[in-house]
Structures are given as C-alpha cells and as structure tokens.
Protein backbone atom coordinates (compact mmCIF):
# COMPACT_ATOMS: atom_id res chain seq x y z
CA MET A 1 -193.63 35.43 -165.32
CA SER A 2 -195.86 33.10 -167.29
CA GLN A 3 -196.39 33.97 -170.98
CA ASP A 4 -200.28 33.65 -170.85
CA MET A 5 -200.53 36.81 -168.78
CA ASP A 6 -202.14 39.64 -170.81
CA SER A 7 -202.08 43.26 -170.21
CA ILE A 8 -199.87 43.25 -166.96
CA LYS A 9 -198.95 46.56 -165.84
CA LEU A 10 -195.65 46.49 -164.02
CA ALA A 11 -193.68 48.72 -161.88
CA ILE A 12 -190.01 48.29 -161.05
CA TRP A 13 -188.91 48.95 -157.37
CA GLY A 14 -185.34 50.28 -156.97
CA ILE A 15 -183.56 52.80 -159.00
CA GLY A 16 -180.04 51.97 -159.93
CA LEU A 17 -177.88 49.55 -161.96
CA TYR A 18 -180.36 46.73 -161.69
CA GLU A 19 -183.36 48.89 -162.54
CA THR A 20 -181.46 50.32 -165.61
CA PHE A 21 -180.79 46.82 -167.00
CA LEU A 22 -184.34 45.79 -166.50
CA LYS A 23 -185.60 49.01 -168.12
CA THR A 24 -183.35 48.81 -171.02
CA ALA A 25 -184.09 44.96 -171.61
CA PHE A 26 -187.73 45.83 -171.52
CA ASP A 27 -187.28 48.58 -174.15
CA LEU A 28 -185.36 46.40 -176.46
CA THR A 29 -187.33 43.14 -176.03
CA LYS A 30 -190.72 44.66 -175.82
CA PRO A 31 -192.31 41.58 -174.03
CA ALA A 32 -195.73 40.76 -175.26
CA GLY A 33 -198.64 41.38 -172.68
CA LEU A 34 -196.44 43.48 -170.35
CA GLU A 35 -196.58 47.25 -169.79
CA LEU A 36 -194.05 49.05 -167.68
CA VAL A 37 -195.95 51.99 -166.06
CA CYS A 38 -193.49 53.32 -163.50
CA ARG A 39 -190.41 52.89 -161.31
CA ALA A 40 -190.44 53.36 -157.52
CA ASP A 41 -188.04 54.12 -154.80
CA ASP A 42 -188.00 56.15 -151.54
CA ARG A 43 -184.41 57.41 -152.05
CA LEU A 44 -183.98 59.07 -155.49
CA PRO A 45 -180.58 59.59 -157.22
CA GLU A 46 -179.58 63.07 -158.05
CA ASN A 47 -179.62 62.35 -161.79
CA MET A 48 -182.70 60.51 -162.82
CA PRO A 49 -182.98 58.99 -166.20
CA ALA A 50 -184.90 61.34 -168.54
CA ASP A 51 -186.74 58.65 -170.25
CA GLY A 52 -190.45 59.56 -169.45
CA LEU A 53 -191.13 56.73 -167.13
CA LYS A 54 -192.86 57.88 -164.13
CA VAL A 55 -191.10 57.94 -160.66
CA VAL A 56 -193.21 57.26 -157.47
CA THR A 57 -192.51 56.60 -153.89
CA THR A 58 -193.48 53.32 -152.12
CA GLU A 59 -196.60 55.01 -150.82
CA GLU A 60 -197.73 56.12 -154.31
CA LEU A 61 -196.89 52.65 -155.63
CA ALA A 62 -199.09 51.05 -152.93
CA SER A 63 -201.99 53.42 -153.96
CA LEU A 64 -201.51 52.50 -157.60
CA TYR A 65 -201.43 48.84 -156.77
CA ALA A 66 -204.70 49.18 -154.71
CA ARG A 67 -206.54 50.87 -157.57
CA GLY A 68 -205.37 48.35 -159.99
CA GLU A 69 -203.24 50.70 -161.99
CA VAL A 70 -200.19 48.57 -161.29
CA HIS A 71 -200.63 44.62 -161.19
CA ALA A 72 -197.23 43.55 -160.25
CA VAL A 73 -193.87 44.84 -158.99
CA ILE A 74 -190.41 43.62 -160.04
CA LEU A 75 -187.81 44.19 -157.29
CA ALA A 76 -184.58 45.43 -158.83
CA VAL A 77 -182.18 45.10 -155.85
CA HIS A 78 -179.22 43.07 -154.69
CA HIS A 79 -180.46 39.47 -153.71
CA SER A 80 -179.21 40.26 -150.11
CA LYS A 81 -181.97 42.87 -149.82
CA LEU A 82 -184.79 40.91 -151.36
CA ALA A 83 -186.19 39.69 -148.06
CA ALA A 84 -186.32 43.11 -146.32
CA VAL A 85 -187.72 45.00 -149.38
CA SER A 86 -190.41 42.48 -150.24
CA SER A 87 -191.54 42.40 -146.54
CA ALA A 88 -191.79 46.06 -146.51
CA LEU A 89 -193.83 46.20 -149.67
CA MET A 90 -196.10 43.46 -148.43
CA LEU A 91 -196.85 45.33 -145.28
CA LYS A 92 -198.15 48.22 -147.62
CA GLY A 93 -200.41 45.65 -149.36
CA ILE A 94 -198.33 44.98 -152.29
CA LEU A 95 -198.44 41.20 -152.78
CA ASP A 96 -197.69 40.51 -156.51
CA LEU A 97 -193.81 40.67 -156.21
CA TYR A 98 -191.24 39.29 -158.56
CA TYR A 99 -187.57 39.18 -158.97
CA PHE A 100 -184.84 38.09 -161.42
CA PRO A 101 -182.19 35.58 -160.06
CA HIS A 102 -178.98 37.61 -159.51
CA TYR A 103 -177.02 35.84 -162.18
CA THR A 104 -179.42 36.90 -165.01
CA TYR A 105 -178.08 40.40 -164.54
CA ASP A 106 -174.91 39.18 -166.18
CA TYR A 107 -176.79 37.78 -169.24
CA THR A 108 -176.44 39.31 -172.68
CA LEU A 109 -179.66 40.24 -174.50
CA ASP A 110 -179.92 36.93 -176.44
CA ARG A 111 -180.20 35.02 -173.11
CA PHE A 112 -182.26 37.32 -171.16
CA SER A 113 -185.96 37.19 -171.05
CA TYR A 114 -188.81 38.48 -168.79
CA ASP A 115 -189.89 34.95 -168.58
CA LEU A 116 -187.11 34.36 -166.12
CA LEU A 117 -189.02 36.30 -163.51
CA GLU A 118 -189.53 34.43 -160.13
CA ARG A 119 -192.57 35.06 -157.96
CA ILE A 120 -192.11 35.76 -154.19
CA GLU A 121 -194.65 33.51 -152.23
CA VAL A 122 -196.63 35.42 -149.73
CA GLY A 123 -196.73 33.93 -146.43
CA LYS A 124 -193.34 32.31 -146.49
CA PRO A 125 -190.03 33.85 -145.22
CA ARG A 126 -186.64 33.70 -147.08
CA LEU A 127 -183.94 31.84 -145.49
CA SER A 128 -180.60 33.83 -145.69
CA TYR A 129 -178.12 31.00 -145.52
CA LEU A 130 -177.78 27.33 -145.69
CA GLU A 131 -174.98 24.81 -145.53
CA PHE A 132 -174.51 21.18 -145.62
CA HIS A 133 -172.00 18.42 -146.06
CA LEU A 134 -171.66 16.01 -149.10
CA ALA A 135 -168.99 14.20 -147.38
CA ASP A 136 -168.29 14.22 -143.58
CA HIS A 137 -164.62 13.24 -144.03
CA CYS A 138 -161.90 15.01 -145.89
CA ASN A 139 -158.73 14.36 -147.85
CA LEU A 140 -156.62 17.01 -146.03
CA ASN A 141 -157.38 16.41 -142.35
CA CYS A 142 -156.46 19.73 -140.82
CA LYS A 143 -155.70 19.66 -137.22
CA GLY A 144 -158.60 20.92 -134.91
CA CYS A 145 -160.96 20.86 -137.85
CA ALA A 146 -164.14 22.89 -136.71
CA HIS A 147 -166.37 20.12 -138.43
CA LEU A 148 -164.15 17.19 -137.08
CA SER A 149 -163.68 16.03 -140.62
CA ASN A 150 -160.13 14.83 -139.78
CA ILE A 151 -161.42 12.43 -137.10
CA THR A 152 -164.85 11.28 -138.51
CA GLU A 153 -165.52 7.96 -140.30
CA PRO A 154 -165.94 8.30 -144.11
CA HIS A 155 -169.66 9.03 -144.78
CA LEU A 156 -171.38 10.38 -147.87
CA THR A 157 -174.76 12.41 -147.78
CA ASP A 158 -177.67 10.38 -149.01
CA LEU A 159 -178.99 12.04 -152.26
CA SER A 160 -182.47 10.78 -152.05
CA GLN A 161 -182.86 12.11 -148.51
CA PHE A 162 -181.25 15.39 -149.61
CA ARG A 163 -183.76 15.74 -152.46
CA LYS A 164 -186.52 15.14 -150.09
CA ASP A 165 -185.22 17.78 -147.62
CA LEU A 166 -184.83 20.31 -150.39
CA ILE A 167 -188.50 19.88 -151.36
CA ARG A 168 -189.53 20.25 -147.85
CA LEU A 169 -187.43 23.54 -147.56
CA GLY A 170 -189.16 24.85 -150.63
CA GLU A 171 -192.37 24.30 -148.96
CA LEU A 172 -191.24 26.47 -145.93
CA PHE A 173 -189.32 29.30 -147.71
CA TRP A 174 -189.63 31.23 -151.03
CA GLY A 175 -186.00 31.35 -151.42
CA ILE A 176 -182.65 30.99 -150.00
CA GLU A 177 -180.04 33.89 -150.47
CA ARG A 178 -176.90 31.85 -150.09
CA VAL A 179 -176.09 28.03 -150.31
CA ARG A 180 -172.67 26.56 -149.40
CA ILE A 181 -171.94 22.95 -150.45
CA MET A 182 -169.44 21.69 -147.95
CA GLY A 183 -167.60 18.96 -146.10
CA GLY A 184 -165.33 17.45 -145.16
CA GLU A 185 -164.35 17.74 -148.81
CA PRO A 186 -167.44 17.85 -151.08
CA LEU A 187 -165.45 16.66 -154.13
CA LEU A 188 -165.19 13.29 -152.44
CA ASN A 189 -168.76 12.67 -153.29
CA GLU A 190 -169.03 11.65 -156.94
CA GLU A 191 -172.67 12.69 -156.99
CA LEU A 192 -171.68 16.32 -156.48
CA PRO A 193 -173.04 17.34 -159.95
CA GLU A 194 -176.49 16.14 -158.89
CA TYR A 195 -176.57 18.09 -155.62
CA VAL A 196 -175.76 21.23 -157.75
CA LYS A 197 -178.71 20.66 -159.99
CA LEU A 198 -181.07 19.91 -157.26
CA VAL A 199 -180.27 23.18 -155.38
CA ARG A 200 -180.65 25.25 -158.63
CA GLU A 201 -184.08 23.64 -159.50
CA THR A 202 -185.46 24.12 -156.08
CA PHE A 203 -184.10 27.59 -155.45
CA PRO A 204 -183.55 29.41 -158.62
CA ASP A 205 -181.89 32.50 -157.13
CA ALA A 206 -179.52 31.02 -154.67
CA ASP A 207 -175.96 32.30 -154.45
CA MET A 208 -174.42 28.78 -154.75
CA HIS A 209 -170.77 27.94 -153.84
CA ILE A 210 -168.86 24.70 -153.44
CA VAL A 211 -166.45 25.01 -150.49
CA SER A 212 -163.29 22.94 -151.11
CA ASN A 213 -159.67 22.85 -150.27
CA GLY A 214 -159.11 22.63 -154.23
CA LEU A 215 -156.63 19.85 -154.02
CA LEU A 216 -159.03 17.42 -156.01
CA ILE A 217 -159.78 19.97 -158.66
CA ASN A 218 -158.57 18.59 -162.08
CA PRO A 219 -159.23 19.10 -165.91
CA GLY A 220 -160.89 15.76 -166.15
CA GLN A 221 -163.82 16.78 -164.28
CA GLN A 222 -165.82 17.98 -167.44
CA GLU A 223 -169.26 16.98 -166.10
CA LEU A 224 -168.93 18.65 -162.81
CA PHE A 225 -167.65 21.88 -164.48
CA ARG A 226 -170.52 21.85 -167.16
CA VAL A 227 -173.11 21.46 -164.29
CA MET A 228 -171.51 24.33 -162.22
CA ARG A 229 -171.32 26.59 -165.32
CA GLU A 230 -174.91 25.90 -166.43
CA ASN A 231 -176.27 26.20 -162.98
CA HIS A 232 -174.39 29.39 -161.83
CA CYS A 233 -172.39 27.60 -159.09
CA SER A 234 -168.88 28.81 -157.89
CA PHE A 235 -165.99 27.40 -156.18
CA ASN A 236 -164.87 28.83 -152.85
CA ILE A 237 -161.26 27.64 -152.19
CA SER A 238 -159.95 27.57 -148.63
CA LEU A 239 -156.18 28.48 -149.04
CA TYR A 240 -154.53 26.14 -146.73
CA PRO A 241 -150.85 25.72 -147.25
CA PRO A 242 -151.13 22.96 -149.71
CA ALA A 243 -153.67 24.86 -151.68
CA VAL A 244 -151.44 27.95 -151.90
CA LYS A 245 -148.95 25.98 -154.00
CA LEU A 246 -151.70 24.92 -156.33
CA LYS A 247 -153.57 28.33 -156.64
CA ASP A 248 -152.37 29.14 -160.12
CA ARG A 249 -153.33 25.55 -161.41
CA ILE A 250 -156.79 25.81 -159.83
CA GLN A 251 -157.43 29.10 -161.38
CA ALA A 252 -156.23 27.87 -164.86
CA VAL A 253 -158.55 24.77 -164.70
CA CYS A 254 -161.53 26.90 -163.65
CA ALA A 255 -160.88 29.46 -166.14
CA LEU A 256 -160.69 26.83 -168.90
CA TYR A 257 -164.19 25.73 -168.03
CA GLY A 258 -165.72 29.04 -167.50
CA VAL A 259 -166.32 28.48 -163.70
CA ARG A 260 -165.84 31.23 -161.22
CA CYS A 261 -163.37 30.46 -158.43
CA LEU A 262 -162.93 32.55 -155.34
CA PHE A 263 -160.10 32.12 -152.84
CA THR A 264 -159.85 32.96 -149.08
CA ASP A 265 -156.75 34.73 -147.72
CA PRO A 266 -153.94 32.12 -147.11
CA VAL A 267 -154.87 30.17 -143.83
CA ARG A 268 -151.91 29.81 -141.70
CA ILE A 269 -153.62 30.15 -138.38
CA PHE A 270 -156.44 27.80 -136.90
CA ARG A 271 -158.56 28.78 -134.01
CA THR A 272 -160.61 26.61 -131.69
CA THR A 273 -163.37 27.67 -129.21
CA PHE A 274 -164.77 24.33 -128.04
CA ASP A 275 -165.38 23.87 -124.36
CA PRO A 276 -166.76 20.41 -123.28
CA GLY A 277 -167.30 21.65 -119.78
CA GLY A 278 -170.41 23.35 -120.87
CA GLU A 279 -170.38 26.05 -118.33
CA ASN A 280 -170.43 28.97 -120.61
CA ASP A 281 -173.43 31.44 -120.90
CA PRO A 282 -175.22 30.63 -124.11
CA GLU A 283 -176.31 34.12 -124.60
CA ASN A 284 -172.77 35.52 -124.17
CA SER A 285 -171.19 32.80 -126.53
CA TYR A 286 -173.67 33.73 -129.07
CA ARG A 287 -173.02 37.30 -128.88
CA HIS A 288 -169.32 36.81 -129.32
CA CYS A 289 -169.58 34.26 -132.09
CA ASP A 290 -168.18 35.34 -135.49
CA VAL A 291 -170.05 32.54 -137.29
CA THR A 292 -173.61 32.76 -136.06
CA HIS A 293 -176.54 32.05 -138.45
CA CYS A 294 -174.63 29.25 -140.16
CA THR A 295 -177.85 27.24 -140.77
CA PHE A 296 -176.72 23.63 -141.03
CA LEU A 297 -178.82 20.84 -142.78
CA LYS A 298 -178.35 17.16 -141.94
CA ASP A 299 -180.80 14.42 -142.77
CA GLY A 300 -184.04 16.20 -142.42
CA ARG A 301 -182.84 18.37 -139.46
CA LEU A 302 -181.64 21.95 -139.16
CA SER A 303 -179.78 24.00 -136.48
CA ASN A 304 -178.11 27.46 -136.52
CA CYS A 305 -174.84 25.78 -135.97
CA ILE A 306 -173.02 22.48 -136.84
CA THR A 307 -172.00 21.80 -133.23
CA PRO A 308 -175.02 20.07 -132.08
CA PHE A 309 -174.54 17.40 -134.92
CA LEU A 310 -170.82 16.98 -133.96
CA LEU A 311 -171.31 16.36 -130.15
CA PRO A 312 -172.21 12.74 -130.58
CA GLN A 313 -168.86 12.31 -132.66
CA TYR A 314 -166.53 14.00 -130.16
CA GLU A 315 -168.36 12.00 -127.23
CA LYS A 316 -167.91 8.68 -128.99
CA LEU A 317 -164.18 9.34 -129.63
CA TYR A 318 -163.03 10.90 -126.57
CA GLY A 319 -165.53 9.54 -124.00
CA VAL A 320 -166.65 12.71 -122.84
CA THR A 321 -170.53 12.95 -121.91
CA LEU A 322 -171.94 15.58 -124.23
CA PRO A 323 -175.66 15.49 -124.54
CA VAL A 324 -177.40 17.36 -127.31
CA PRO A 325 -179.65 19.87 -125.57
CA GLU A 326 -183.33 19.31 -126.36
CA GLY A 327 -184.70 21.85 -128.90
CA ASP A 328 -181.23 22.63 -130.42
CA ILE A 329 -182.10 20.59 -133.69
CA ILE A 330 -185.27 21.33 -135.71
CA ASP A 331 -187.03 18.57 -137.26
CA LEU A 332 -188.09 19.76 -140.78
CA TYR A 333 -191.07 17.29 -140.83
CA GLU A 334 -192.38 18.20 -137.41
CA GLU A 335 -196.21 18.62 -137.89
CA GLY A 336 -197.53 22.05 -138.15
CA LEU A 337 -193.96 23.59 -138.48
CA THR A 338 -193.77 26.75 -140.44
CA GLY A 339 -190.90 28.69 -142.14
CA VAL A 340 -191.66 31.66 -139.73
CA ASP A 341 -191.15 29.01 -136.63
CA ILE A 342 -187.91 28.02 -138.20
CA MET A 343 -186.77 31.60 -138.55
CA GLU A 344 -187.55 32.42 -135.09
CA LYS A 345 -185.62 29.49 -133.73
CA LEU A 346 -182.58 30.23 -135.98
CA ALA A 347 -182.48 33.75 -134.78
CA ALA A 348 -181.83 32.95 -131.14
CA PRO A 349 -178.93 31.18 -129.13
CA ILE A 350 -179.16 27.48 -128.68
CA LYS A 351 -178.28 25.58 -125.54
CA THR A 352 -175.36 24.03 -127.30
CA CYS A 353 -173.69 27.50 -127.27
CA ARG A 354 -172.69 26.77 -123.78
CA TYR A 355 -169.92 24.50 -125.23
CA CYS A 356 -168.42 27.35 -126.92
CA ASP A 357 -166.08 29.95 -125.39
CA PRO A 358 -165.27 32.51 -128.13
CA GLU A 359 -163.71 34.96 -125.65
CA HIS A 360 -160.93 32.52 -125.00
CA THR A 361 -160.02 31.27 -128.38
CA HIS A 362 -156.93 29.02 -128.76
CA ALA A 363 -154.82 29.86 -131.84
CA TYR A 364 -152.10 27.83 -133.36
CA TYR A 365 -150.30 27.37 -136.72
CA TRP A 366 -152.11 25.14 -139.27
CA GLU A 367 -150.86 21.55 -139.62
CA ILE A 368 -152.21 18.09 -140.50
CA ALA A 369 -153.47 15.77 -137.92
CA GLY A 370 -155.51 12.66 -139.03
CA LYS A 371 -157.43 10.39 -136.73
CA ASP A 372 -154.01 8.53 -135.74
CA ARG A 373 -152.55 11.84 -134.47
CA ALA A 374 -155.51 13.91 -133.43
CA LYS A 375 -155.86 14.70 -129.83
CA PRO A 376 -159.04 15.91 -127.78
CA GLU A 377 -157.17 19.01 -126.82
CA ASP A 378 -156.77 19.98 -130.48
CA TYR A 379 -160.35 21.26 -130.63
CA LEU A 380 -160.34 23.22 -127.17
CA SER A 381 -160.46 26.78 -126.16
CA GLU A 382 -157.77 28.15 -124.07
CA SER A 383 -159.86 27.96 -120.97
CA ALA A 384 -160.77 24.44 -121.57
CA ARG A 385 -157.14 23.45 -122.28
CA ALA A 386 -156.06 25.09 -119.03
CA ARG A 387 -158.59 22.95 -117.09
CA LEU A 388 -157.33 19.80 -118.90
CA ALA A 389 -153.67 20.62 -118.21
CA ALA A 390 -154.52 21.35 -114.44
CA ALA A 391 -156.32 17.90 -114.21
CA ASP A 392 -153.49 16.16 -115.80
CA GLY A 393 -151.00 17.79 -113.33
CA ARG A 394 -153.18 16.53 -110.39
CA ASP A 395 -152.96 13.07 -111.84
C-alpha cells in the first residue's frame, strides 16, 4: 500500500494465525496514515483475542465499507484461498482488497512492512497454477517421460518471448497461486536465475518452485541460489533412483545457501496413459485424470495440459498422424481475450483428452531410455499397447 495514503481505515478479513501476525505487526510498527478499525470473519474461533479490536461479520463489514467507515480490507488467509475470499467480498460490494505475499508471514519485524501489501485488481481473475519448460530436453532421459523430454531435440525457452508472455499474463490475471519452473531439466538453461526474477517481479505472491531431478545441483551455483533465496523460490526434487543416492548432498547444498528444498517420495514406478488411437471419451478421460488443471505455457500459448504441445513431436518421431484439435491451445494475444475467457476454457476438457486413457494405465519400473533406445510403446496405455501387439501379431 503506497505511503502517500492518509487516514486509511483498514479491516482485516480472517481470524487466525495470519490475522494475529498482521495485528501484532500493526501494533508494533504503527504504520503512518493507517488505522485498524476491525477484524471480520463469519466463522469465529472459541477464544477471541481480548485486545479491544471490534469483530464483525462479512455482512457487517460490507455495510461499514459502503458507509465509508472502512476504506480497505486486508485478506489474512492462506494464498490458496485468496481467489475465493476476494470473489465473495467483491460480490458484497467490497472492492478495495489487499493481501500480503505468503512468504512475508515468515519475515521478522525488521523486514516486515505494511508497504508490502499488494492490491487485488477488480475485474481480473486469479490463475491457480502455471507451469512451463526452460529446457525441453533432459540430462536423465527417463523411459516413457510424460513430457517426451527423453526423445526431444535440445531446445531452450526464449527469454524475451517469456518476458513478453509474463507481461501479458499480468494483464489478464491479478495473480498466480503456484508457478512450477520445469523441463526437461530446467538447470540445463543457464538463464534460469533471470526466469526466477521475472516471475517474482510480475507475480509477487506466486508460490514458485523449480522442478528438477537434482543431479545438476552443485555448490558452485552461487548466483542461482542467491536469486532463489532473494525471490522466495524453492526446489522440488523428483526422487528418481539416481537422485535418491544424492539426496543428502542436495539437501546440504540447499541448506548451505538457505534455499528451501522439497523432495517427492522415491519414484520407482512410471505410469503411462497415452492412446494415439484417439477414440476415448474426452469427458471421461478428463474426469479420471489425476493431473488436470496443469496449465502449460509455451511461446505465447496456453492449454490446460501439455499434451497438445507434444503431439507434433510424437507424430514426427513415430509417423503417427496426431492432429492438434482446434481450440485446445489458447493464443494469449487473441484480440479481445480476457482472463475470464481463459479460466472458462481451462476449466473444461479439451478434445486432446481423447488421446488419454487413464482407466487403463500402464505401469512399469523406472529406467533410462534415451532417444536411441526409446520405443513408441514406451508412452502407451495398456489398451493402446494391446492394440499395437495385436497389430504386430497380424503382420
């Protein structure tokens, strides 16, 4: 919130740990020009703080706001609830809404300030999730990689195009809840620190993670670790068998530089659901998919799944005709497009879902299979594999 605002009367919506943090920080720092007049929530805890600050319901808060007795409301909720709570308050006519980026709740008093407040832009939705590649290729090359990173040609994302796309996303959405910087292997892109900085500059509250196999993490990456630490970015390490052996080393390096590092459970089994026959019911595939709403960004285009971007690659390598259905990929620069339009498209099955058969998943033990060893059946569901085997038998 800008420092030139005078006599701003604030309310905090939400009662709990975040609200206690903000109220305590307010009492200690006494920010100039701001007055905290009440806290609001519709579900009150049994033991309310006895500090004299008035407690009101959302309906009462809306009345105070309409009468000008409250000028702005700070949402003291987990970042995953910001979209729902802000929408509900906007429907009540409360339009001056603010929030603190989630990582500021870990700040000490010497780092925390009410100037860190971010405003929610009325008329724009909030995107819950975004992922993108920094490198399409990978240094590990897992058999049946869901992103085809073991068989793709080496390719790095263009930083200038990405900067342009982030600016466009900032025009369409007031925030992104979670951002995953992926590949391939993102550490193969030497410009990785610049991508981290761009995400944080454009979306101050994003829960940002670099998804990596961890094999390239080393103590000599001082600049990357500095940028990650300063921009509140974490590592998410996929514990494939080679990474399991290096887990302690990876943890030690991240701890040395003060960067948070999260690990998956050990990954010993891979599962594939791809069915190039394309005869599956998209609605049914979408309903049974366990990775829906994985909004993927590539070169100014979005989809709610990476698969539409991968079809040409599989087609090129294995000679299977796999046309990308019209409308499955959203052009960010389409004239008249709004964030609401995008949200509606992302919330529904796409025609490409017909190439997925999650009810007949093929499972196998993890192994490496680079381009020289990979086979088309590595990516197929059980049903597609059965058809392929039958066809081979007839030949």
